[in-house]
């Protein structure tokens, strides 16, 4: 384990919400143990059933704070983790439990924060295996995609952030590998309306922060994301959240033109319908049906969130 002393202006902490993925968590903790500069605090917020505290106990040399949060919900777990920060922590962020940090990721992030301006509110670790998403002409027509990584579109869609390998400014940041200033942490909470896995909860949080602070992706602080992807059994849940959560976010922010938002919703449903015709499979049907259920819930005036985990 590296014991290099910090020479930076900041003390850094990581909050790790986890749920039923002990092997993924081990990979993350192994990568944290190999950091050239160790974090000052690691807060594990466990929503597993049964709990997986035993995994944390396997790493006695790491500065782990263990917290139990059950029943689990990603936004709730993130808020619970930040509430356990030590007073001396000046920057802190969230790591998904299926992240694997490059050995110098923490050191490079500390270098960035030690040299950035007071206007910076958040900075993401670059995800090396996060490739460019399909940006078809049809998606652009329906305001669901764009050419500028990290840009927020009038439709309340966020342009995907791929691995670029250099530092650049954005209007939103993904939730699972991002560090925030203490000022942001003290003044912004994740919206716990986003229940369960909480589709778009990271867009909601980071876009709100971007109204007052600058956001960046740090090119030389890097990680891998060992995402299991979306299960076929969870397509219906995802389909509902895909529409309902988007409309909630747009209504909440009050800055996105309704015509643009509904145009993108129509495009989303249309493209899922085309996928059903092309693939003729149950998962495509479930997602499309979920889209209609989510839209109907919105039109009926439902305010309660649609929960569920789809990873």
Protein backbone atom coordinates (compact mmCIF):
# COMPACT_ATOMS: atom_id res chain seq x y z
CA UNK A 1 0.00 0.00 0.00
CA UNK A 2 1.25 3.47 -0.88
CA UNK A 3 1.84 5.78 2.09
CA UNK A 4 2.92 8.88 0.20
CA UNK A 5 2.23 12.04 2.21
CA UNK A 6 -0.13 14.61 0.71
CA UNK A 7 1.53 17.83 -0.45
CA UNK A 8 -1.68 19.37 -1.73
CA UNK A 9 -3.99 22.11 -0.52
CA UNK A 10 -6.94 19.76 -0.04
CA UNK A 11 -8.12 16.79 1.97
CA UNK A 12 -10.20 14.47 -0.22
CA UNK A 13 -12.92 11.96 0.59
CA UNK A 14 -14.85 9.45 -1.50
CA UNK A 15 -18.45 8.39 -0.84
CA UNK A 16 -19.29 4.95 -2.25
CA UNK A 17 -22.97 3.95 -2.34
CA UNK A 18 -23.17 0.18 -2.81
CA UNK A 19 -25.87 -2.46 -3.17
CA UNK A 20 -25.33 -6.22 -3.42
CA UNK A 21 -22.04 -6.09 -5.34
CA UNK A 22 -19.28 -7.33 -3.01
CA UNK A 23 -16.92 -8.38 -5.81
CA UNK A 24 -17.20 -5.02 -7.56
CA UNK A 25 -16.60 -3.26 -4.25
CA UNK A 26 -13.44 -5.32 -3.70
CA UNK A 27 -12.06 -4.21 -7.07
CA UNK A 28 -12.73 -0.58 -6.15
CA UNK A 29 -11.15 -0.90 -2.70
CA UNK A 30 -8.10 -2.64 -4.19
CA UNK A 31 -7.66 0.29 -6.57
CA UNK A 32 -8.02 2.75 -3.68
CA UNK A 33 -5.37 0.85 -1.74
CA UNK A 34 -2.97 1.25 -4.67
CA UNK A 35 -3.36 5.03 -5.00
CA UNK A 36 -0.15 7.02 -5.17
CA UNK A 37 -1.84 9.45 -2.77
CA UNK A 38 -4.40 7.92 -0.43
CA UNK A 39 -7.75 9.63 0.16
CA UNK A 40 -8.26 11.03 3.65
CA UNK A 41 -11.62 9.31 4.10
CA UNK A 42 -13.64 6.62 2.30
CA UNK A 43 -17.32 6.42 3.25
CA UNK A 44 -19.08 3.19 2.27
CA UNK A 45 -22.87 3.57 2.33
CA UNK A 46 -24.23 0.04 2.22
CA UNK A 47 -27.74 -0.73 0.99
CA UNK A 48 -27.07 -4.43 0.48
CA UNK A 49 -29.21 -7.29 1.78
CA UNK A 50 -27.55 -8.83 3.73
CA UNK A 51 -24.98 -6.13 4.47
CA UNK A 52 -21.45 -6.44 3.09
CA UNK A 53 -19.51 -4.80 5.89
CA UNK A 54 -17.24 -7.84 5.88
CA UNK A 55 -15.77 -6.60 2.57
CA UNK A 56 -14.80 -3.29 4.18
CA UNK A 57 -13.23 -5.18 7.09
CA UNK A 58 -10.85 -6.84 4.61
CA UNK A 59 -9.09 -3.47 4.13
CA UNK A 60 -8.04 -2.32 7.62
CA UNK A 61 -5.36 0.00 6.23
CA UNK A 62 -7.88 2.14 4.32
CA UNK A 63 -9.56 5.05 6.16
CA UNK A 64 -13.05 3.57 5.79
CA UNK A 65 -16.15 4.96 7.47
CA UNK A 66 -18.94 2.37 7.16
CA UNK A 67 -22.58 3.46 7.11
CA UNK A 68 -25.72 1.39 6.69
CA UNK A 69 -28.60 2.84 4.62
CA UNK A 70 -31.58 0.53 4.16
CA UNK A 71 -33.87 0.37 2.27
CA UNK A 72 -31.44 1.53 -0.42
CA UNK A 73 -31.86 4.44 -2.81
CA UNK A 74 -28.95 5.99 -4.67
CA UNK A 75 -29.74 9.65 -3.96
CA UNK A 76 -30.47 8.90 -0.29
CA UNK A 77 -27.23 6.91 0.07
CA UNK A 78 -25.21 9.72 -1.48
CA UNK A 79 -26.67 12.29 0.90
CA UNK A 80 -26.12 9.97 3.87
CA UNK A 81 -22.49 9.52 2.91
CA UNK A 82 -21.78 13.24 2.65
CA UNK A 83 -23.35 13.72 6.07
CA UNK A 84 -20.53 11.57 7.50
CA UNK A 85 -17.68 13.73 6.17
CA UNK A 86 -14.95 14.63 8.62
CA UNK A 87 -14.68 18.35 9.31
CA UNK A 88 -11.24 18.62 7.72
CA UNK A 89 -12.39 17.35 4.30
CA UNK A 90 -12.26 20.16 1.71
CA UNK A 91 -13.27 18.24 -1.45
CA UNK A 92 -15.32 15.06 -1.69
CA UNK A 93 -17.11 13.08 -4.32
CA UNK A 94 -18.92 9.94 -5.29
CA UNK A 95 -17.58 6.70 -6.72
CA UNK A 96 -19.87 4.01 -8.07
CA UNK A 97 -19.07 0.63 -6.55
CA UNK A 98 -18.11 -0.71 -9.99
CA UNK A 99 -15.38 1.90 -10.59
CA UNK A 100 -11.68 0.98 -10.71
CA UNK A 101 -9.35 3.95 -10.29
CA UNK A 102 -6.04 4.27 -12.10
CA UNK A 103 -3.23 4.31 -9.47
CA UNK A 104 -2.62 8.05 -9.85
CA UNK A 105 -6.27 9.12 -10.22
CA UNK A 106 -6.51 10.68 -6.75
CA UNK A 107 -3.13 12.41 -7.09
CA UNK A 108 -4.06 13.90 -10.47
CA UNK A 109 -7.41 15.07 -9.10
CA UNK A 110 -5.68 16.76 -6.16
CA UNK A 111 -3.29 18.49 -8.56
CA UNK A 112 -6.28 19.80 -10.52
CA UNK A 113 -8.04 21.11 -7.41
CA UNK A 114 -4.84 22.65 -6.08
CA UNK A 115 -4.49 24.72 -9.25
CA UNK A 116 -8.07 25.54 -10.20
CA UNK A 117 -9.98 28.71 -9.36
CA UNK A 118 -12.51 29.37 -6.61
CA UNK A 119 -15.25 29.29 -9.24
CA UNK A 120 -14.84 25.54 -9.77
CA UNK A 121 -17.60 23.50 -8.14
CA UNK A 122 -17.11 20.01 -9.54
CA UNK A 123 -14.62 17.90 -11.45
CA UNK A 124 -15.10 14.41 -12.86
CA UNK A 125 -12.57 11.62 -13.20
CA UNK A 126 -12.27 10.63 -16.88
CA UNK A 127 -13.81 7.20 -17.53
CA UNK A 128 -11.41 5.51 -19.95
CA UNK A 129 -13.90 2.93 -21.24
CA UNK A 130 -16.76 5.39 -21.68
CA UNK A 131 -16.97 5.52 -25.46
CA UNK A 132 -18.85 7.94 -27.68
CA UNK A 133 -22.56 7.22 -27.84
CA UNK A 134 -24.44 6.82 -31.07
CA UNK A 135 -25.19 10.32 -32.27
CA UNK A 136 -27.47 9.65 -35.20
CA UNK A 137 -29.03 12.35 -37.30
CA UNK A 138 -32.42 11.22 -36.00
CA UNK A 139 -31.34 11.69 -32.38
CA UNK A 140 -30.08 15.17 -33.21
CA UNK A 141 -33.34 16.04 -34.97
CA UNK A 142 -35.25 15.09 -31.81
CA UNK A 143 -32.82 17.06 -29.60
CA UNK A 144 -31.68 13.90 -27.85
CA UNK A 145 -27.98 14.20 -28.76
CA UNK A 146 -25.43 16.79 -29.79
CA UNK A 147 -21.82 17.23 -30.83
CA UNK A 148 -20.54 19.10 -27.75
CA UNK A 149 -19.76 16.70 -24.86
CA UNK A 150 -21.38 17.72 -21.60
CA UNK A 151 -23.76 20.27 -23.10
CA UNK A 152 -27.34 20.56 -21.85
CA UNK A 153 -29.86 20.72 -24.69
CA UNK A 154 -33.15 22.68 -24.71
CA UNK A 155 -34.99 19.34 -24.49
CA UNK A 156 -33.55 18.65 -20.98
CA UNK A 157 -31.29 16.01 -22.51
CA UNK A 158 -27.61 16.02 -21.59
CA UNK A 159 -25.06 15.30 -24.29
CA UNK A 160 -23.05 12.20 -23.42
CA UNK A 161 -19.54 12.66 -21.96
CA UNK A 162 -17.13 10.20 -23.62
CA UNK A 163 -13.46 9.68 -22.80
CA UNK A 164 -11.51 12.47 -24.50
CA UNK A 165 -8.23 12.39 -22.58
CA UNK A 166 -7.99 16.10 -21.90
CA UNK A 167 -9.53 18.51 -19.40
CA UNK A 168 -12.61 20.36 -20.61
CA UNK A 169 -15.55 22.31 -19.18
CA UNK A 170 -19.11 20.96 -19.14
CA UNK A 171 -22.65 21.88 -18.10
CA UNK A 172 -23.29 18.59 -16.26
CA UNK A 173 -21.27 15.72 -14.77
CA UNK A 174 -21.97 12.01 -14.27
CA UNK A 175 -22.55 11.01 -10.69
CA UNK A 176 -20.31 7.98 -10.21
CA UNK A 177 -16.80 9.45 -10.51
CA UNK A 178 -17.01 13.14 -9.61
CA UNK A 179 -15.48 15.35 -6.90
CA UNK A 180 -17.19 18.45 -5.47
CA UNK A 181 -15.97 21.44 -3.49
CA UNK A 182 -16.94 21.66 0.17
CA UNK A 183 -18.99 24.76 -0.65
CA UNK A 184 -21.08 22.76 -3.12
CA UNK A 185 -21.45 19.85 -0.69
CA UNK A 186 -22.65 22.17 2.06
CA UNK A 187 -25.21 23.87 -0.17
CA UNK A 188 -26.51 21.16 -2.51
CA UNK A 189 -28.13 17.79 -1.79
CA UNK A 190 -29.16 15.08 -4.18
CA UNK A 191 -32.91 15.19 -4.76
CA UNK A 192 -34.27 12.12 -2.97
CA UNK A 193 -37.38 12.24 -5.13
CA UNK A 194 -35.24 10.19 -7.52
CA UNK A 195 -35.96 6.84 -5.91
CA UNK A 196 -34.14 3.57 -6.43
CA UNK A 197 -31.42 3.80 -9.05
CA UNK A 198 -32.73 7.28 -9.81
CA UNK A 199 -32.34 7.83 -13.54
CA UNK A 200 -31.13 11.44 -14.17
CA UNK A 201 -30.38 12.17 -10.52
CA UNK A 202 -26.80 13.04 -11.48
CA UNK A 203 -27.93 15.36 -14.28
CA UNK A 204 -30.32 17.08 -11.88
CA UNK A 205 -27.65 17.59 -9.22
CA UNK A 206 -24.79 18.69 -11.46
CA UNK A 207 -26.88 20.98 -13.64
CA UNK A 208 -28.16 22.79 -10.56
CA UNK A 209 -24.56 23.20 -9.39
CA UNK A 210 -23.54 24.49 -12.85
CA UNK A 211 -25.86 27.48 -12.43
CA UNK A 212 -23.46 28.87 -9.80
CA UNK A 213 -20.16 27.05 -10.34
CA UNK A 214 -17.94 25.79 -13.16
CA UNK A 215 -17.69 22.07 -13.93
CA UNK A 216 -14.85 20.13 -15.56
CA UNK A 217 -13.80 16.66 -16.64
CA UNK A 218 -10.15 16.13 -15.67
CA UNK A 219 -8.24 14.53 -18.51
CA UNK A 220 -5.38 12.86 -16.63
CA UNK A 221 -7.35 11.63 -13.59
CA UNK A 222 -8.74 8.36 -14.94
CA UNK A 223 -10.68 5.23 -14.09
CA UNK A 224 -12.51 2.26 -15.57
CA UNK A 225 -16.25 1.65 -15.15
CA UNK A 226 -17.08 -2.06 -15.01
CA UNK A 227 -20.76 -1.53 -15.67
CA UNK A 228 -22.91 -4.64 -15.92
CA UNK A 229 -25.28 -2.79 -18.24
CA UNK A 230 -29.04 -2.94 -18.27
CA UNK A 231 -30.69 -6.28 -17.56
CA UNK A 232 -33.43 -7.41 -19.95
CA UNK A 233 -35.64 -7.98 -16.91
CA UNK A 234 -35.34 -4.30 -15.95
CA UNK A 235 -36.29 -2.72 -19.28
CA UNK A 236 -39.84 -1.94 -18.16
CA UNK A 237 -38.66 -0.10 -15.03
CA UNK A 238 -36.06 1.80 -17.02
CA UNK A 239 -38.61 2.69 -19.71
CA UNK A 240 -40.90 4.26 -17.12
CA UNK A 241 -38.12 6.28 -15.49
CA UNK A 242 -36.74 7.28 -18.89
CA UNK A 243 -39.85 9.36 -19.58
CA UNK A 244 -41.26 10.20 -16.14
CA UNK A 245 -37.95 11.32 -14.60
CA UNK A 246 -37.08 13.45 -17.63
CA UNK A 247 -40.39 15.29 -17.40
CA UNK A 248 -39.95 15.76 -13.65
CA UNK A 249 -36.49 17.25 -14.15
CA UNK A 250 -37.67 19.58 -16.92
CA UNK A 251 -40.68 20.76 -14.90
CA UNK A 252 -38.55 21.27 -11.81
CA UNK A 253 -35.85 23.35 -13.51
CA UNK A 254 -38.30 25.61 -15.41
CA UNK A 255 -35.68 26.61 -17.99
CA UNK A 256 -36.35 24.10 -20.76
CA UNK A 257 -38.97 25.03 -23.42
CA UNK A 258 -41.88 22.56 -23.07
CA UNK A 259 -42.15 22.17 -26.85
CA UNK A 260 -38.50 21.03 -27.05
CA UNK A 261 -38.96 18.68 -24.09
CA UNK A 262 -42.06 16.98 -25.52
CA UNK A 263 -40.46 16.82 -28.97
CA UNK A 264 -37.61 14.80 -27.47
CA UNK A 265 -40.06 12.62 -25.52
CA UNK A 266 -41.87 11.86 -28.80
CA UNK A 267 -38.51 11.06 -30.42
CA UNK A 268 -37.53 8.79 -27.53
CA UNK A 269 -40.74 6.77 -27.81
CA UNK A 270 -40.52 6.69 -31.59
CA UNK A 271 -36.97 5.34 -31.53
CA UNK A 272 -37.89 2.67 -29.00
CA UNK A 273 -40.80 1.73 -31.27
CA UNK A 274 -38.42 1.40 -34.21
CA UNK A 275 -36.16 -0.78 -32.05
CA UNK A 276 -39.11 -3.06 -31.29
CA UNK A 277 -39.96 -3.42 -34.99
CA UNK A 278 -36.30 -4.12 -35.79
CA UNK A 279 -35.48 -6.51 -32.92
CA UNK A 280 -38.83 -8.24 -32.24
CA UNK A 281 -37.81 -9.06 -28.67
CA UNK A 282 -39.38 -8.83 -25.23
CA UNK A 283 -36.88 -6.32 -23.85
CA UNK A 284 -37.68 -3.78 -26.59
CA UNK A 285 -41.41 -4.27 -25.94
CA UNK A 286 -40.95 -3.84 -22.20
CA UNK A 287 -39.00 -0.60 -22.59
CA UNK A 288 -41.54 0.85 -25.03
CA UNK A 289 -44.44 -0.15 -22.78
CA UNK A 290 -42.59 1.43 -19.86
CA UNK A 291 -42.28 4.66 -21.87
CA UNK A 292 -46.05 4.82 -22.33
CA UNK A 293 -46.69 4.03 -18.66
CA UNK A 294 -44.29 6.79 -17.61
CA UNK A 295 -45.87 9.30 -19.98
CA UNK A 296 -49.38 8.38 -18.82
CA UNK A 297 -48.35 8.80 -15.19
CA UNK A 298 -47.09 12.29 -16.00
CA UNK A 299 -50.24 13.24 -17.93
CA UNK A 300 -52.40 12.04 -15.03
CA UNK A 301 -50.54 14.44 -12.75
CA UNK A 302 -48.64 11.89 -10.68
CA UNK A 303 -46.07 13.55 -8.43
CA UNK A 304 -44.71 10.52 -6.57
CA UNK A 305 -41.54 9.11 -8.10
CA UNK A 306 -41.35 5.81 -9.94
CA UNK A 307 -38.73 3.80 -8.08
CA UNK A 308 -36.87 0.63 -8.89
CA UNK A 309 -33.35 -0.59 -9.61
CA UNK A 310 -32.40 -1.44 -13.14
CA UNK A 311 -28.73 -2.30 -12.69
